[in-house]
Amino acid sequence: PFGGVFAGPMRKEKGFLFAEIDVAAAKASRRKFDASGHYARPDIFSLHVNRDVQVPARFA
């Protein structure tokens, strides 16, 4: 949740990496995420809402 590395990397060997995380800490971390703060990337993300009335799909 805080950007730390839990396991790996595996550079020369092949296999699986398993890690246990504190789910409560992950949930708390998501609540603290500030999408409009210094993590915001307006250069790569924009949200546009089409408020026009849409016609439902018609099947012939």
N, C-alpha and C. Protein backbone atom coordinates (compact mmCIF):
# COMPACT_ATOMS: atom_id res chain seq x y z
N PRO A 1 0.80 -1.22 0.00
CA PRO A 1 0.00 0.00 0.00
C PRO A 1 0.83 1.27 0.00
N PHE A 2 2.05 1.17 0.49
CA PHE A 2 2.88 2.37 0.61
C PHE A 2 4.00 2.41 -0.42
N GLY A 3 3.96 1.55 -1.43
CA GLY A 3 4.93 1.57 -2.50
C GLY A 3 6.19 0.79 -2.22
N GLY A 4 6.24 0.05 -1.13
CA GLY A 4 7.42 -0.74 -0.81
C GLY A 4 7.46 -2.04 -1.59
N VAL A 5 8.66 -2.58 -1.75
CA VAL A 5 8.84 -3.86 -2.44
C VAL A 5 8.72 -4.97 -1.41
N PHE A 6 7.84 -5.92 -1.66
CA PHE A 6 7.63 -7.03 -0.73
C PHE A 6 8.48 -8.24 -1.07
N ALA A 7 8.71 -8.48 -2.35
CA ALA A 7 9.46 -9.66 -2.77
C ALA A 7 10.08 -9.40 -4.14
N GLY A 8 11.18 -10.10 -4.40
CA GLY A 8 11.79 -10.03 -5.73
C GLY A 8 12.74 -8.87 -5.86
N PRO A 9 13.25 -8.65 -7.04
CA PRO A 9 12.95 -9.35 -8.29
C PRO A 9 13.72 -10.66 -8.41
N MET A 10 13.23 -11.51 -9.28
CA MET A 10 13.93 -12.76 -9.58
C MET A 10 14.66 -12.54 -10.90
N ARG A 11 15.95 -12.38 -10.83
CA ARG A 11 16.71 -12.03 -12.03
C ARG A 11 17.18 -13.25 -12.83
N LYS A 12 17.69 -14.27 -12.17
CA LYS A 12 18.25 -15.41 -12.89
C LYS A 12 17.39 -16.65 -12.79
N GLU A 13 16.59 -16.75 -11.76
CA GLU A 13 15.78 -17.95 -11.57
C GLU A 13 14.34 -17.70 -12.02
N LYS A 14 13.64 -18.79 -12.31
CA LYS A 14 12.24 -18.70 -12.69
C LYS A 14 11.40 -19.27 -11.56
N GLY A 15 10.26 -18.69 -11.33
CA GLY A 15 9.40 -19.19 -10.28
C GLY A 15 8.31 -18.19 -9.94
N PHE A 16 7.69 -18.41 -8.81
CA PHE A 16 6.61 -17.55 -8.35
C PHE A 16 7.05 -16.83 -7.08
N LEU A 17 6.64 -15.60 -6.95
CA LEU A 17 6.86 -14.84 -5.73
C LEU A 17 5.52 -14.67 -5.02
N PHE A 18 5.51 -14.93 -3.75
CA PHE A 18 4.30 -14.75 -2.95
C PHE A 18 4.61 -13.76 -1.84
N ALA A 19 3.64 -12.93 -1.54
CA ALA A 19 3.80 -11.97 -0.45
C ALA A 19 2.46 -11.80 0.24
N GLU A 20 2.50 -11.56 1.53
CA GLU A 20 1.29 -11.29 2.28
C GLU A 20 1.26 -9.81 2.62
N ILE A 21 0.10 -9.22 2.45
CA ILE A 21 -0.05 -7.80 2.78
C ILE A 21 -1.16 -7.64 3.81
N ASP A 22 -1.12 -6.54 4.49
CA ASP A 22 -2.16 -6.20 5.45
C ASP A 22 -3.29 -5.54 4.68
N VAL A 23 -4.39 -6.25 4.51
CA VAL A 23 -5.51 -5.75 3.71
C VAL A 23 -6.08 -4.47 4.31
N ALA A 24 -6.13 -4.38 5.61
CA ALA A 24 -6.64 -3.16 6.25
C ALA A 24 -5.76 -1.96 5.92
N ALA A 25 -4.44 -2.17 5.88
CA ALA A 25 -3.53 -1.08 5.52
C ALA A 25 -3.73 -0.68 4.07
N ALA A 26 -4.00 -1.64 3.20
CA ALA A 26 -4.24 -1.34 1.79
C ALA A 26 -5.51 -0.51 1.63
N LYS A 27 -6.56 -0.87 2.36
CA LYS A 27 -7.80 -0.10 2.29
C LYS A 27 -7.60 1.31 2.81
N ALA A 28 -6.87 1.45 3.91
CA ALA A 28 -6.61 2.77 4.47
C ALA A 28 -5.79 3.61 3.50
N SER A 29 -4.85 2.98 2.82
CA SER A 29 -4.02 3.69 1.85
C SER A 29 -4.86 4.23 0.71
N ARG A 30 -5.84 3.46 0.26
CA ARG A 30 -6.71 3.92 -0.83
C ARG A 30 -7.54 5.12 -0.39
N ARG A 31 -7.95 5.15 0.85
CA ARG A 31 -8.73 6.29 1.34
C ARG A 31 -7.87 7.55 1.42
N LYS A 32 -6.58 7.40 1.60
CA LYS A 32 -5.69 8.55 1.73
C LYS A 32 -5.20 9.08 0.39
N PHE A 33 -5.44 8.34 -0.69
CA PHE A 33 -4.96 8.74 -2.01
C PHE A 33 -5.63 10.04 -2.43
N ASP A 34 -4.85 11.02 -2.79
CA ASP A 34 -5.37 12.33 -3.18
C ASP A 34 -5.24 12.47 -4.69
N ALA A 35 -6.31 12.15 -5.40
CA ALA A 35 -6.26 12.18 -6.87
C ALA A 35 -6.12 13.58 -7.42
N SER A 36 -6.48 14.58 -6.65
CA SER A 36 -6.36 15.95 -7.14
C SER A 36 -5.13 16.66 -6.58
N GLY A 37 -4.33 15.95 -5.84
CA GLY A 37 -3.14 16.54 -5.23
C GLY A 37 -1.91 16.34 -6.11
N HIS A 38 -0.78 16.07 -5.48
CA HIS A 38 0.47 15.99 -6.23
C HIS A 38 0.57 14.72 -7.08
N TYR A 39 -0.36 13.76 -6.90
CA TYR A 39 -0.37 12.58 -7.76
C TYR A 39 -1.11 12.85 -9.07
N ALA A 40 -1.83 13.93 -9.14
CA ALA A 40 -2.63 14.22 -10.33
C ALA A 40 -1.72 14.41 -11.54
N ARG A 41 -2.13 13.84 -12.66
CA ARG A 41 -1.38 13.98 -13.91
C ARG A 41 -2.32 14.49 -15.00
N PRO A 42 -2.61 15.80 -14.99
CA PRO A 42 -3.54 16.32 -16.01
C PRO A 42 -3.00 16.18 -17.43
N ASP A 43 -1.70 15.96 -17.56
CA ASP A 43 -1.14 15.80 -18.90
C ASP A 43 -1.46 14.43 -19.49
N ILE A 44 -1.81 13.44 -18.66
CA ILE A 44 -2.11 12.11 -19.20
C ILE A 44 -3.52 11.63 -18.87
N PHE A 45 -4.27 12.37 -18.08
CA PHE A 45 -5.61 11.94 -17.71
C PHE A 45 -6.58 13.09 -17.83
N SER A 46 -7.69 12.82 -18.48
CA SER A 46 -8.78 13.79 -18.49
C SER A 46 -10.09 13.01 -18.50
N LEU A 47 -11.09 13.60 -17.93
CA LEU A 47 -12.40 12.98 -17.85
C LEU A 47 -13.40 13.88 -18.54
N HIS A 48 -14.08 13.34 -19.53
CA HIS A 48 -15.11 14.07 -20.25
C HIS A 48 -16.42 13.30 -20.08
N VAL A 49 -17.47 14.01 -19.73
CA VAL A 49 -18.78 13.39 -19.54
C VAL A 49 -19.69 13.86 -20.65
N ASN A 50 -20.23 12.92 -21.41
CA ASN A 50 -21.18 13.23 -22.46
C ASN A 50 -22.57 13.26 -21.82
N ARG A 51 -23.11 14.44 -21.63
CA ARG A 51 -24.40 14.58 -20.97
C ARG A 51 -25.57 14.53 -21.94
N ASP A 52 -25.30 14.33 -23.23
CA ASP A 52 -26.38 14.23 -24.21
C ASP A 52 -27.19 12.97 -23.95
N VAL A 53 -28.49 13.06 -24.26
CA VAL A 53 -29.35 11.89 -24.14
C VAL A 53 -28.93 10.88 -25.19
N GLN A 54 -28.71 9.65 -24.78
CA GLN A 54 -28.24 8.61 -25.69
C GLN A 54 -29.41 7.73 -26.11
N VAL A 55 -29.38 7.30 -27.37
CA VAL A 55 -30.39 6.38 -27.88
C VAL A 55 -29.96 4.97 -27.53
N PRO A 56 -30.87 4.17 -26.94
CA PRO A 56 -30.49 2.80 -26.61
C PRO A 56 -30.20 1.99 -27.87
N ALA A 57 -29.46 0.94 -27.71
CA ALA A 57 -29.13 0.07 -28.85
C ALA A 57 -30.41 -0.56 -29.39
N ARG A 58 -30.47 -0.69 -30.71
CA ARG A 58 -31.61 -1.35 -31.35
C ARG A 58 -31.09 -2.58 -32.06
N PHE A 59 -31.74 -3.68 -31.86
CA PHE A 59 -31.37 -4.92 -32.51
C PHE A 59 -32.42 -5.23 -33.57
N ALA A 60 -31.97 -5.51 -34.78
CA ALA A 60 -32.92 -5.80 -35.87
C ALA A 60 -33.02 -7.29 -36.11
